[in-house]
Amino acid sequence: MEGNVIRRILHYLFIEDYLAKIICLAIGCGLWFYVEVARVTQTALNIPVEYIKKPANLYLKQGQTRFVKITVRGRDEFLKFSTAGIKAEVNLANARGGDANYPVVFDVRQLPERVELASKPETLAVGLEAGASKIVPVKVVTSGNPDASYKILKASATPQQIEIDGPEAVIAAIQALDTEAVDVEGAARPISRKINLRIPDQVSTDKVRSVSVRVEFVPKTYSDEQQFDQIAVRVQNLDAALNAALSDQTVQVQVQGESAAVKKLKPSDIYVFVNAEDTRYNSRTGSILPYANESGVPVKGRILNGSRKVQILSITPDKVNVRFSVKPEYAKKEP
């Protein structure tokens, strides 16, 4: 009896209307294939690349790759996701200077569920170069125009100079660090404030991001003005046993005076100097007193010809650093 029941069930499943059942099975398989397989597609994503563990003495060359392309796979509805925060990494822990290929690492846990990584670049060409540093002046940038009866006399920053670090090519091209623009529109009184620096990409200033600036004004007159660049700075009253090296060997001088006198003025008529009378060489001890290095030494100037009709308005920079050294013929000989 039980065997007959089983035979009837099997006959119903596999013999009776078998063609219709095969068709239904085929349709079902087709629907499953469409839902689970045919709707799976791929899409390409451009994601940022982050360079990690870079040696402190090396810098990325300009123009390095910022994005890489990866391909992800999944059903259409799962591929509609935000790519914010998704990134690839290039580990530079053991990098050396020059151009080389480094592995690209991508953590698949960044992708949503039901989305998988199909492909990514295996390596990325990276160029690294040695770093450099130097001290550059801070240039105060202004915007707008002061009160109609005034003009800018001087715009200065504290500190006046800042040490910068970065890739050799980038550092070599920087002659000064600009500030953000100081608005002087309608001003007649001095302006003092803290203002941010414009620091180029890949350049470090040892956490110095801002400076104190002061913009001074002077009433306009009917006198003419002229600016002289590259005026040599001399060292006055220098001890005969010493040499002196200046952080700035030339300065910019702004003069004002009677029109005819200003027009006749030549760079050689302007004498700019620092006074070194307080620094002396002690031949007995072989020491430079009081200090071998002096910072913030005032720069002064005078007009040699036509001084009664022309005056110096400003000298930029108005302070320099001086490094003194002993001339070989005066150096104390060791016994």
C-alpha atoms as a PDB file:
ATOM      1  CA  MET A   1       0.000   0.000   0.000  1.00  0.00           C
ATOM      2  CA  GLU A   2       2.726   2.372   0.989  1.00  0.00           C
ATOM      3  CA  GLY A   3       4.692   1.503  -2.131  1.00  0.00           C
ATOM      4  CA  ASN A   4       1.728   2.345  -4.339  1.00  0.00           C
ATOM      5  CA  VAL A   5       1.451   5.767  -2.747  1.00  0.00           C
ATOM      6  CA  ILE A   6       5.107   6.477  -3.370  1.00  0.00           C
ATOM      7  CA  ARG A   7       4.811   5.320  -6.993  1.00  0.00           C
ATOM      8  CA  ARG A   8       1.808   7.596  -7.556  1.00  0.00           C
ATOM      9  CA  ILE A   9       3.680  10.564  -6.092  1.00  0.00           C
ATOM     10  CA  LEU A  10       6.724   9.946  -8.256  1.00  0.00           C
ATOM     11  CA  HIS A  11       4.513   9.444 -11.296  1.00  0.00           C
ATOM     12  CA  TYR A  12       2.814  12.755 -10.579  1.00  0.00           C
ATOM     13  CA  LEU A  13       6.081  14.590 -10.089  1.00  0.00           C
ATOM     14  CA  PHE A  14       8.035  13.262 -13.036  1.00  0.00           C
ATOM     15  CA  ILE A  15       5.628  11.716 -15.567  1.00  0.00           C
ATOM     16  CA  GLU A  16       2.290  13.467 -15.438  1.00  0.00           C
ATOM     17  CA  ASP A  17       2.341  16.768 -17.373  1.00  0.00           C
ATOM     18  CA  TYR A  18       6.110  16.584 -17.436  1.00  0.00           C
ATOM     19  CA  LEU A  19       6.401  19.036 -20.342  1.00  0.00           C
ATOM     20  CA  ALA A  20       4.527  21.774 -18.508  1.00  0.00           C
ATOM     21  CA  LYS A  21       6.613  21.189 -15.423  1.00  0.00           C
ATOM     22  CA  ILE A  22       9.856  21.410 -17.413  1.00  0.00           C
ATOM     23  CA  ILE A  23       8.684  24.684 -18.876  1.00  0.00           C
ATOM     24  CA  CYS A  24       7.823  26.072 -15.440  1.00  0.00           C
ATOM     25  CA  LEU A  25      11.207  24.984 -14.122  1.00  0.00           C
ATOM     26  CA  ALA A  26      12.969  26.691 -17.004  1.00  0.00           C
ATOM     27  CA  ILE A  27      11.006  29.874 -16.416  1.00  0.00           C
ATOM     28  CA  GLY A  28      11.843  29.781 -12.717  1.00  0.00           C
ATOM     29  CA  CYS A  29      15.526  29.248 -13.401  1.00  0.00           C
ATOM     30  CA  GLY A  30      15.470  32.093 -15.887  1.00  0.00           C
ATOM     31  CA  LEU A  31      13.883  34.425 -13.372  1.00  0.00           C
ATOM     32  CA  TRP A  32      16.425  33.450 -10.727  1.00  0.00           C
ATOM     33  CA  PHE A  33      19.277  34.002 -13.188  1.00  0.00           C
ATOM     34  CA  TYR A  34      17.905  37.418 -14.079  1.00  0.00           C
ATOM     35  CA  VAL A  35      17.469  38.479 -10.458  1.00  0.00           C
ATOM     36  CA  GLU A  36      20.687  37.074  -9.064  1.00  0.00           C
ATOM     37  CA  VAL A  37      23.116  37.124 -11.987  1.00  0.00           C
ATOM     38  CA  ALA A  38      21.965  39.101 -15.001  1.00  0.00           C
ATOM     39  CA  ARG A  39      21.364  42.272 -12.938  1.00  0.00           C
ATOM     40  CA  VAL A  40      24.897  42.217 -11.501  1.00  0.00           C
ATOM     41  CA  THR A  41      26.925  45.008 -13.143  1.00  0.00           C
ATOM     42  CA  GLN A  42      30.249  46.781 -12.706  1.00  0.00           C
ATOM     43  CA  THR A  43      31.033  50.459 -12.329  1.00  0.00           C
ATOM     44  CA  ALA A  44      34.296  52.447 -12.146  1.00  0.00           C
ATOM     45  CA  LEU A  45      35.030  54.850  -9.300  1.00  0.00           C
ATOM     46  CA  ASN A  46      37.709  57.539  -9.037  1.00  0.00           C
ATOM     47  CA  ILE A  47      38.816  57.615  -5.409  1.00  0.00           C
ATOM     48  CA  PRO A  48      41.508  59.736  -3.707  1.00  0.00           C
ATOM     49  CA  VAL A  49      44.847  58.169  -2.922  1.00  0.00           C
ATOM     50  CA  GLU A  50      46.578  58.851   0.390  1.00  0.00           C
ATOM     51  CA  TYR A  51      50.345  58.535   0.757  1.00  0.00           C
ATOM     52  CA  ILE A  52      51.080  57.203   4.237  1.00  0.00           C
ATOM     53  CA  LYS A  53      54.201  56.691   6.390  1.00  0.00           C
ATOM     54  CA  LYS A  54      56.346  58.935   4.177  1.00  0.00           C
ATOM     55  CA  PRO A  55      59.910  59.385   5.539  1.00  0.00           C
ATOM     56  CA  ALA A  56      60.262  62.823   7.132  1.00  0.00           C
ATOM     57  CA  ASN A  57      63.260  63.766   4.975  1.00  0.00           C
ATOM     58  CA  LEU A  58      61.463  63.085   1.675  1.00  0.00           C
ATOM     59  CA  TYR A  59      58.727  65.012  -0.105  1.00  0.00           C
ATOM     60  CA  LEU A  60      56.362  64.173  -2.931  1.00  0.00           C
ATOM     61  CA  LYS A  61      57.359  65.732  -6.223  1.00  0.00           C
ATOM     62  CA  GLN A  62      54.856  68.100  -7.775  1.00  0.00           C
ATOM     63  CA  GLY A  63      52.183  66.582  -9.983  1.00  0.00           C
ATOM     64  CA  GLN A  64      51.775  63.280  -8.134  1.00  0.00           C
ATOM     65  CA  THR A  65      48.662  61.179  -8.754  1.00  0.00           C
ATOM     66  CA  ARG A  66      45.778  62.271  -6.536  1.00  0.00           C
ATOM     67  CA  PHE A  67      43.120  59.757  -7.645  1.00  0.00           C
ATOM     68  CA  VAL A  68      43.082  56.133  -8.769  1.00  0.00           C
ATOM     69  CA  LYS A  69      40.357  54.183 -10.575  1.00  0.00           C
ATOM     70  CA  ILE A  70      38.845  51.067  -9.054  1.00  0.00           C
ATOM     71  CA  THR A  71      36.026  48.861 -10.376  1.00  0.00           C
ATOM     72  CA  VAL A  72      33.299  47.495  -8.110  1.00  0.00           C
ATOM     73  CA  ARG A  73      30.671  44.817  -8.810  1.00  0.00           C
ATOM     74  CA  GLY A  74      27.098  44.360  -7.562  1.00  0.00           C
ATOM     75  CA  ARG A  75      23.446  44.594  -8.402  1.00  0.00           C
ATOM     76  CA  ASP A  76      22.280  47.960  -9.724  1.00  0.00           C
ATOM     77  CA  GLU A  77      20.423  48.980  -6.596  1.00  0.00           C
ATOM     78  CA  PHE A  78      23.453  48.241  -4.390  1.00  0.00           C
ATOM     79  CA  LEU A  79      25.849  50.289  -6.518  1.00  0.00           C
ATOM     80  CA  LYS A  80      24.090  53.548  -5.685  1.00  0.00           C
ATOM     81  CA  PHE A  81      26.134  54.548  -2.633  1.00  0.00           C
ATOM     82  CA  SER A  82      28.179  57.545  -1.485  1.00  0.00           C
ATOM     83  CA  THR A  83      31.920  57.332  -2.081  1.00  0.00           C
ATOM     84  CA  ALA A  84      32.724  59.941   0.598  1.00  0.00           C
ATOM     85  CA  GLY A  85      35.510  58.677   2.822  1.00  0.00           C
ATOM     86  CA  ILE A  86      36.525  55.872   0.488  1.00  0.00           C
ATOM     87  CA  LYS A  87      40.213  55.987  -0.379  1.00  0.00           C
ATOM     88  CA  ALA A  88      43.195  53.953  -1.484  1.00  0.00           C
ATOM     89  CA  GLU A  89      46.568  54.047   0.243  1.00  0.00           C
ATOM     90  CA  VAL A  90      50.189  53.890  -0.847  1.00  0.00           C
ATOM     91  CA  ASN A  91      52.605  52.915   1.923  1.00  0.00           C
ATOM     92  CA  LEU A  92      55.914  54.817   1.640  1.00  0.00           C
ATOM     93  CA  ALA A  93      57.483  53.517   4.871  1.00  0.00           C
ATOM     94  CA  ASN A  94      60.585  52.153   3.110  1.00  0.00           C
ATOM     95  CA  ALA A  95      60.677  54.664   0.269  1.00  0.00           C
ATOM     96  CA  ARG A  96      63.815  56.291  -1.081  1.00  0.00           C
ATOM     97  CA  GLY A  97      64.397  59.373  -3.197  1.00  0.00           C
ATOM     98  CA  GLY A  98      63.652  59.095  -6.898  1.00  0.00           C
ATOM     99  CA  ASP A  99      60.875  57.499  -8.954  1.00  0.00           C
ATOM    100  CA  ALA A 100      59.579  54.017  -8.128  1.00  0.00           C
ATOM    101  CA  ASN A 101      56.413  51.908  -8.102  1.00  0.00           C
ATOM    102  CA  TYR A 102      54.697  51.230  -4.782  1.00  0.00           C
ATOM    103  CA  PRO A 103      51.779  48.859  -4.004  1.00  0.00           C
ATOM    104  CA  VAL A 104      48.257  50.293  -3.903  1.00  0.00           C
ATOM    105  CA  VAL A 105      46.264  49.055  -0.904  1.00  0.00           C
ATOM    106  CA  PHE A 106      42.473  49.153  -0.765  1.00  0.00           C
ATOM    107  CA  ASP A 107      40.482  47.982   2.257  1.00  0.00           C
ATOM    108  CA  VAL A 108      37.347  46.279   0.904  1.00  0.00           C
ATOM    109  CA  ARG A 109      35.613  46.900   4.243  1.00  0.00           C
ATOM    110  CA  GLN A 110      35.051  50.441   2.971  1.00  0.00           C
ATOM    111  CA  LEU A 111      32.492  49.084   0.484  1.00  0.00           C
ATOM    112  CA  PRO A 112      28.829  48.495   1.389  1.00  0.00           C
ATOM    113  CA  GLU A 113      27.491  44.986   1.858  1.00  0.00           C
ATOM    114  CA  ARG A 114      26.719  43.114  -1.384  1.00  0.00           C
ATOM    115  CA  VAL A 115      29.271  45.229  -3.269  1.00  0.00           C
ATOM    116  CA  GLU A 116      32.630  43.663  -4.024  1.00  0.00           C
ATOM    117  CA  LEU A 117      35.896  44.922  -5.479  1.00  0.00           C
ATOM    118  CA  ALA A 118      36.380  43.807  -9.071  1.00  0.00           C
ATOM    119  CA  SER A 119      39.732  45.428  -9.863  1.00  0.00           C
ATOM    120  CA  LYS A 120      42.223  48.065  -8.747  1.00  0.00           C
ATOM    121  CA  PRO A 121      45.699  49.178  -9.850  1.00  0.00           C
ATOM    122  CA  GLU A 122      48.355  46.968  -8.273  1.00  0.00           C
ATOM    123  CA  THR A 123      51.055  49.671  -8.122  1.00  0.00           C
ATOM    124  CA  LEU A 124      51.404  53.416  -8.514  1.00  0.00           C
ATOM    125  CA  ALA A 125      54.412  55.389  -9.777  1.00  0.00           C
ATOM    126  CA  VAL A 126      55.538  57.814  -7.080  1.00  0.00           C
ATOM    127  CA  GLY A 127      58.288  60.458  -7.291  1.00  0.00           C
ATOM    128  CA  LEU A 128      60.068  61.538  -4.122  1.00  0.00           C
ATOM    129  CA  GLU A 129      62.763  64.151  -3.613  1.00  0.00           C
ATOM    130  CA  ALA A 130      64.932  65.378  -0.781  1.00  0.00           C
ATOM    131  CA  GLY A 131      63.706  68.256   1.337  1.00  0.00           C
ATOM    132  CA  ALA A 132      65.188  71.716   1.760  1.00  0.00           C
ATOM    133  CA  SER A 133      64.708  74.640   4.106  1.00  0.00           C
ATOM    134  CA  LYS A 134      65.456  78.350   4.068  1.00  0.00           C
ATOM    135  CA  ILE A 135      64.450  81.592   5.748  1.00  0.00           C
ATOM    136  CA  VAL A 136      62.253  83.929   3.698  1.00  0.00           C
ATOM    137  CA  PRO A 137      60.797  87.368   4.455  1.00  0.00           C
ATOM    138  CA  VAL A 138      57.114  87.884   5.187  1.00  0.00           C
ATOM    139  CA  LYS A 139      55.396  90.191   2.701  1.00  0.00           C
ATOM    140  CA  VAL A 140      52.343  92.069   3.975  1.00  0.00           C
ATOM    141  CA  VAL A 141      49.632  92.243   1.294  1.00  0.00           C
ATOM    142  CA  THR A 142      47.038  95.025   1.464  1.00  0.00           C
ATOM    143  CA  SER A 143      43.732  95.596  -0.296  1.00  0.00           C
ATOM    144  CA  GLY A 144      41.650  98.739  -0.789  1.00  0.00           C
ATOM    145  CA  ASN A 145      42.724 102.378  -0.523  1.00  0.00           C
ATOM    146  CA  PRO A 146      43.275 104.412   2.648  1.00  0.00           C
ATOM    147  CA  ASP A 147      41.607 107.739   3.356  1.00  0.00           C
ATOM    148  CA  ALA A 148      41.993 110.096   0.379  1.00  0.00           C
ATOM    149  CA  SER A 149      44.369 112.374   2.305  1.00  0.00           C
ATOM    150  CA  TYR A 150      46.613 109.495   3.459  1.00  0.00           C
ATOM    151  CA  LYS A 151      48.857 106.875   1.924  1.00  0.00           C
ATOM    152  CA  ILE A 152      50.601 103.769   3.228  1.00  0.00           C
ATOM    153  CA  LEU A 153      53.934 104.571   4.827  1.00  0.00           C
ATOM    154  CA  LYS A 154      54.962 101.071   5.826  1.00  0.00           C
ATOM    155  CA  ALA A 155      53.469  97.593   6.190  1.00  0.00           C
ATOM    156  CA  SER A 156      55.501  95.315   8.452  1.00  0.00           C
ATOM    157  CA  ALA A 157      55.118  91.856   9.980  1.00  0.00           C
ATOM    158  CA  THR A 158      56.308  90.258  13.196  1.00  0.00           C
ATOM    159  CA  PRO A 159      58.163  87.996  12.757  1.00  0.00           C
ATOM    160  CA  GLN A 160      59.693  89.553   9.668  1.00  0.00           C
ATOM    161  CA  GLN A 161      61.151  86.240   8.491  1.00  0.00           C
ATOM    162  CA  ILE A 162      60.026  82.623   8.723  1.00  0.00           C
ATOM    163  CA  GLU A 163      61.829  79.346   8.090  1.00  0.00           C
ATOM    164  CA  ILE A 164      60.080  77.126   5.563  1.00  0.00           C
ATOM    165  CA  ASP A 165      60.607  73.442   4.732  1.00  0.00           C
ATOM    166  CA  GLY A 166      59.483  71.400   1.765  1.00  0.00           C
ATOM    167  CA  PRO A 167      60.531  69.839  -1.548  1.00  0.00           C
ATOM    168  CA  GLU A 168      63.716  71.340  -2.984  1.00  0.00           C
ATOM    169  CA  ALA A 169      62.080  72.591  -6.186  1.00  0.00           C
ATOM    170  CA  VAL A 170      59.166  74.185  -4.328  1.00  0.00           C
ATOM    171  CA  ILE A 171      61.348  75.863  -1.701  1.00  0.00           C
ATOM    172  CA  ALA A 172      63.782  77.212  -4.319  1.00  0.00           C
ATOM    173  CA  ALA A 173      60.923  78.987  -6.114  1.00  0.00           C
ATOM    174  CA  ILE A 174      59.629  80.793  -3.005  1.00  0.00           C
ATOM    175  CA  GLN A 175      61.177  84.226  -2.406  1.00  0.00           C
ATOM    176  CA  ALA A 176      58.716  85.414   0.265  1.00  0.00           C
ATOM    177  CA  LEU A 177      55.598  84.330   2.137  1.00  0.00           C
ATOM    178  CA  ASP A 178      52.575  86.547   1.501  1.00  0.00           C
ATOM    179  CA  THR A 179      49.971  87.303   4.125  1.00  0.00           C
ATOM    180  CA  GLU A 180      46.261  87.280   3.530  1.00  0.00           C
ATOM    181  CA  ALA A 181      45.182  90.737   2.374  1.00  0.00           C
ATOM    182  CA  VAL A 182      44.838  93.414   5.060  1.00  0.00           C
ATOM    183  CA  ASP A 183      41.880  95.677   4.290  1.00  0.00           C
ATOM    184  CA  VAL A 184      43.007  99.336   4.503  1.00  0.00           C
ATOM    185  CA  GLU A 185      39.933 100.840   2.831  1.00  0.00           C
ATOM    186  CA  GLY A 186      39.331 104.350   4.246  1.00  0.00           C
ATOM    187  CA  ALA A 187      42.003 103.974   6.946  1.00  0.00           C
ATOM    188  CA  ALA A 188      43.967 106.919   8.347  1.00  0.00           C
ATOM    189  CA  ARG A 189      45.235 105.486  11.629  1.00  0.00           C
ATOM    190  CA  PRO A 190      47.696 102.590  12.035  1.00  0.00           C
ATOM    191  CA  ILE A 191      46.232  99.100  11.705  1.00  0.00           C
ATOM    192  CA  SER A 192      47.562  96.275  13.906  1.00  0.00           C
ATOM    193  CA  ARG A 193      46.158  92.765  13.763  1.00  0.00           C
ATOM    194  CA  LYS A 194      46.889  89.058  13.528  1.00  0.00           C
ATOM    195  CA  ILE A 195      46.626  87.709  10.003  1.00  0.00           C
ATOM    196  CA  ASN A 196      47.108  84.329   8.349  1.00  0.00           C
ATOM    197  CA  LEU A 197      49.923  83.481   5.987  1.00  0.00           C
ATOM    198  CA  ARG A 198      49.379  82.149   2.470  1.00  0.00           C
ATOM    199  CA  ILE A 199      51.345  78.918   2.747  1.00  0.00           C
ATOM    200  CA  PRO A 200      51.796  76.983  -0.518  1.00  0.00           C
ATOM    201  CA  ASP A 201      50.993  73.281  -0.733  1.00  0.00           C
ATOM    202  CA  GLN A 202      53.730  70.919   0.525  1.00  0.00           C
ATOM    203  CA  VAL A 203      55.379  73.743   2.502  1.00  0.00           C
ATOM    204  CA  SER A 204      55.765  73.587   6.266  1.00  0.00           C
ATOM    205  CA  THR A 205      56.387  76.554   8.578  1.00  0.00           C
ATOM    206  CA  ASP A 206      56.821  74.613  11.829  1.00  0.00           C
ATOM    207  CA  LYS A 207      53.228  75.341  12.913  1.00  0.00           C
ATOM    208  CA  VAL A 208      53.541  79.107  12.264  1.00  0.00           C
ATOM    209  CA  ARG A 209      50.315  79.912  10.451  1.00  0.00           C
ATOM    210  CA  SER A 210      49.852  83.608  11.221  1.00  0.00           C
ATOM    211  CA  VAL A 211      51.842  86.780  11.980  1.00  0.00           C
ATOM    212  CA  SER A 212      51.204  90.143  13.599  1.00  0.00           C
ATOM    213  CA  VAL A 213      51.043  92.931  11.021  1.00  0.00           C
ATOM    214  CA  ARG A 214      51.125  96.692  11.359  1.00  0.00           C
ATOM    215  CA  VAL A 215      50.217  99.091   8.569  1.00  0.00           C
ATOM    216  CA  GLU A 216      51.178 102.733   9.084  1.00  0.00           C
ATOM    217  CA  PHE A 217      49.961 105.750   7.130  1.00  0.00           C
ATOM    218  CA  VAL A 218      51.322 109.219   6.429  1.00  0.00           C
ATOM    219  CA  PRO A 219      49.512 112.326   5.164  1.00  0.00           C
ATOM    220  CA  LYS A 220      49.850 112.941   1.471  1.00  0.00           C
ATOM    221  CA  THR A 221      51.925 115.929   0.377  1.00  0.00           C
ATOM    222  CA  TYR A 222      52.613 117.529  -2.948  1.00  0.00           C
ATOM    223  CA  SER A 223      56.141 116.125  -2.920  1.00  0.00           C
ATOM    224  CA  ASP A 224      57.163 113.421  -5.330  1.00  0.00           C
ATOM    225  CA  GLU A 225      58.062 109.913  -4.264  1.00  0.00           C
ATOM    226  CA  GLN A 226      60.324 107.272  -5.728  1.00  0.00           C
ATOM    227  CA  GLN A 227      61.250 103.741  -4.812  1.00  0.00           C
ATOM    228  CA  PHE A 228      64.787 102.409  -5.135  1.00  0.00           C
ATOM    229  CA  ASP A 229      65.347  98.644  -5.124  1.00  0.00           C
ATOM    230  CA  GLN A 230      68.487  96.641  -4.461  1.00  0.00           C
ATOM    231  CA  ILE A 231      70.266  99.285  -2.392  1.00  0.00           C
ATOM    232  CA  ALA A 232      73.331  97.669  -0.821  1.00  0.00           C
ATOM    233  CA  VAL A 233      73.549  97.546   2.977  1.00  0.00           C
ATOM    234  CA  ARG A 234      76.932  98.455   4.426  1.00  0.00           C
ATOM    235  CA  VAL A 235      78.325  97.545   7.824  1.00  0.00           C
ATOM    236  CA  GLN A 236      79.513 100.633   9.664  1.00  0.00           C
ATOM    237  CA  ASN A 237      82.122 100.706  12.469  1.00  0.00           C
ATOM    238  CA  LEU A 238      83.062  97.053  11.952  1.00  0.00           C
ATOM    239  CA  ASP A 239      85.979  95.758  14.019  1.00  0.00           C
ATOM    240  CA  ALA A 240      88.998  95.293  11.730  1.00  0.00           C
ATOM    241  CA  ALA A 241      89.356  91.698  12.927  1.00  0.00           C
ATOM    242  CA  LEU A 242      85.818  90.692  11.958  1.00  0.00           C
ATOM    243  CA  ASN A 243      83.785  89.815   8.900  1.00  0.00           C
ATOM    244  CA  ALA A 244      80.038  90.423   8.883  1.00  0.00           C
ATOM    245  CA  ALA A 245      77.428  88.453   6.882  1.00  0.00           C
ATOM    246  CA  LEU A 246      73.941  89.961   6.580  1.00  0.00           C
ATOM    247  CA  SER A 247      70.680  88.059   6.169  1.00  0.00           C
ATOM    248  CA  ASP A 248      69.660  90.733   3.609  1.00  0.00           C
ATOM    249  CA  GLN A 249      72.449  92.353   1.628  1.00  0.00           C
ATOM    250  CA  THR A 250      70.133  94.747  -0.211  1.00  0.00           C
ATOM    251  CA  VAL A 251      66.997  96.641   0.789  1.00  0.00           C
ATOM    252  CA  GLN A 252      64.191  98.670  -0.763  1.00  0.00           C
ATOM    253  CA  VAL A 253      64.211 102.414  -0.016  1.00  0.00           C
ATOM    254  CA  GLN A 254      61.239 104.762  -0.439  1.00  0.00           C
ATOM    255  CA  VAL A 255      62.093 108.474  -0.662  1.00  0.00           C
ATOM    256  CA  GLN A 256      60.040 111.680  -0.788  1.00  0.00           C
ATOM    257  CA  GLY A 257      60.945 115.235  -1.643  1.00  0.00           C
ATOM    258  CA  GLU A 258      60.906 118.089  -4.087  1.00  0.00           C
ATOM    259  CA  SER A 259      60.173 116.900  -7.592  1.00  0.00           C
ATOM    260  CA  ALA A 260      63.425 118.103  -9.170  1.00  0.00           C
ATOM    261  CA  ALA A 261      65.576 116.689  -6.370  1.00  0.00           C
ATOM    262  CA  VAL A 262      63.832 113.308  -6.444  1.00  0.00           C
ATOM    263  CA  LYS A 263      64.270 113.024 -10.203  1.00  0.00           C
ATOM    264  CA  LYS A 264      68.002 113.746  -9.915  1.00  0.00           C
ATOM    265  CA  LEU A 265      68.512 111.218  -7.116  1.00  0.00           C
ATOM    266  CA  LYS A 266      70.586 108.155  -8.010  1.00  0.00           C
ATOM    267  CA  PRO A 267      70.965 104.872  -6.081  1.00  0.00           C
ATOM    268  CA  SER A 268      74.546 105.859  -5.266  1.00  0.00           C
ATOM    269  CA  ASP A 269      73.182 108.928  -3.425  1.00  0.00           C
ATOM    270  CA  ILE A 270      71.498 106.668  -0.857  1.00  0.00           C
ATOM    271  CA  TYR A 271      73.663 105.320   1.947  1.00  0.00           C
ATOM    272  CA  VAL A 272      72.139 102.430   3.918  1.00  0.00           C
ATOM    273  CA  PHE A 273      73.946 100.806   6.836  1.00  0.00           C
ATOM    274  CA  VAL A 274      73.885  98.821  10.068  1.00  0.00           C
ATOM    275  CA  ASN A 275      76.013  99.895  13.006  1.00  0.00           C
ATOM    276  CA  ALA A 276      78.392  97.237  14.349  1.00  0.00           C
ATOM    277  CA  GLU A 277      80.228  99.389  16.898  1.00  0.00           C
ATOM    278  CA  ASP A 278      78.998  97.306  19.840  1.00  0.00           C
ATOM    279  CA  THR A 279      80.551  94.068  18.571  1.00  0.00           C
ATOM    280  CA  ARG A 280      84.256  93.509  19.181  1.00  0.00           C
ATOM    281  CA  TYR A 281      86.839  90.744  18.892  1.00  0.00           C
ATOM    282  CA  ASN A 282      88.727  89.776  22.058  1.00  0.00           C
ATOM    283  CA  SER A 283      92.153  88.668  20.876  1.00  0.00           C
ATOM    284  CA  ARG A 284      93.075  87.337  24.299  1.00  0.00           C
ATOM    285  CA  THR A 285      90.192  84.864  24.518  1.00  0.00           C
ATOM    286  CA  GLY A 286      89.490  84.517  20.802  1.00  0.00           C
ATOM    287  CA  SER A 287      85.823  85.387  21.438  1.00  0.00           C
ATOM    288  CA  ILE A 288      83.405  87.722  19.685  1.00  0.00           C
ATOM    289  CA  LEU A 289      81.667  89.953  22.213  1.00  0.00           C
ATOM    290  CA  PRO A 290      78.898  90.269  23.115  1.00  0.00           C
ATOM    291  CA  TYR A 291      77.507  87.787  20.515  1.00  0.00           C
ATOM    292  CA  ALA A 292      78.689  86.266  17.249  1.00  0.00           C
ATOM    293  CA  ASN A 293      75.131  86.374  15.920  1.00  0.00           C
ATOM    294  CA  GLU A 294      72.917  89.441  16.253  1.00  0.00           C
ATOM    295  CA  SER A 295      69.237  89.402  15.211  1.00  0.00           C
ATOM    296  CA  GLY A 296      66.965  92.353  14.521  1.00  0.00           C
ATOM    297  CA  VAL A 297      69.731  94.886  13.938  1.00  0.00           C
ATOM    298  CA  PRO A 298      68.133  98.177  12.758  1.00  0.00           C
ATOM    299  CA  VAL A 299      68.829  99.294   9.190  1.00  0.00           C
ATOM    300  CA  LYS A 300      69.387 103.030   8.880  1.00  0.00           C
ATOM    301  CA  GLY A 301      69.949 105.300   5.926  1.00  0.00           C
ATOM    302  CA  ARG A 302      70.667 108.821   4.777  1.00  0.00           C
ATOM    303  CA  ILE A 303      70.741 110.824   1.568  1.00  0.00           C
ATOM    304  CA  LEU A 304      74.270 111.820   0.562  1.00  0.00           C
ATOM    305  CA  ASN A 305      73.272 114.458  -2.015  1.00  0.00           C
ATOM    306  CA  GLY A 306      70.195 116.674  -1.875  1.00  0.00           C
ATOM    307  CA  SER A 307      69.423 115.626   1.689  1.00  0.00           C
ATOM    308  CA  ARG A 308      67.695 118.921   2.458  1.00  0.00           C
ATOM    309  CA  LYS A 309      65.180 118.407  -0.307  1.00  0.00           C
ATOM    310  CA  VAL A 310      64.728 114.636  -0.114  1.00  0.00           C
ATOM    311  CA  GLN A 311      64.019 112.392   2.860  1.00  0.00           C
ATOM    312  CA  ILE A 312      63.821 108.641   3.366  1.00  0.00           C
ATOM    313  CA  LEU A 313      60.272 107.496   4.069  1.00  0.00           C
ATOM    314  CA  SER A 314      60.925 103.797   4.665  1.00  0.00           C
ATOM    315  CA  ILE A 315      63.485 101.005   4.375  1.00  0.00           C
ATOM    316  CA  THR A 316      62.322  97.436   3.743  1.00  0.00           C
ATOM    317  CA  PRO A 317      63.299  95.311   5.563  1.00  0.00           C
ATOM    318  CA  ASP A 318      64.100  97.714   8.373  1.00  0.00           C
ATOM    319  CA  LYS A 319      65.956  95.070  10.409  1.00  0.00           C
ATOM    320  CA  VAL A 320      68.455  92.358   9.484  1.00  0.00           C
ATOM    321  CA  ASN A 321      70.359  89.541  11.141  1.00  0.00           C
ATOM    322  CA  VAL A 322      74.161  89.780  11.289  1.00  0.00           C
ATOM    323  CA  ARG A 323      76.603  86.883  11.680  1.00  0.00           C
ATOM    324  CA  PHE A 324      80.144  87.860  12.695  1.00  0.00           C
ATOM    325  CA  SER A 325      83.238  85.752  12.093  1.00  0.00           C
ATOM    326  CA  VAL A 326      86.944  86.265  12.796  1.00  0.00           C
ATOM    327  CA  LYS A 327      89.267  86.924   9.879  1.00  0.00           C
ATOM    328  CA  PRO A 328      91.858  84.131   9.537  1.00  0.00           C
ATOM    329  CA  GLU A 329      94.812  86.446  10.129  1.00  0.00           C
ATOM    330  CA  TYR A 330      93.361  87.557  13.472  1.00  0.00           C
ATOM    331  CA  ALA A 331      92.217  84.163  14.733  1.00  0.00           C
ATOM    332  CA  LYS A 332      93.835  83.091  17.987  1.00  0.00           C
ATOM    333  CA  LYS A 333      96.453  80.420  17.375  1.00  0.00           C
ATOM    334  CA  GLU A 334      96.312  77.328  19.523  1.00  0.00           C
ATOM    335  CA  PRO A 335      99.523  76.768  21.562  1.00  0.00           C
END
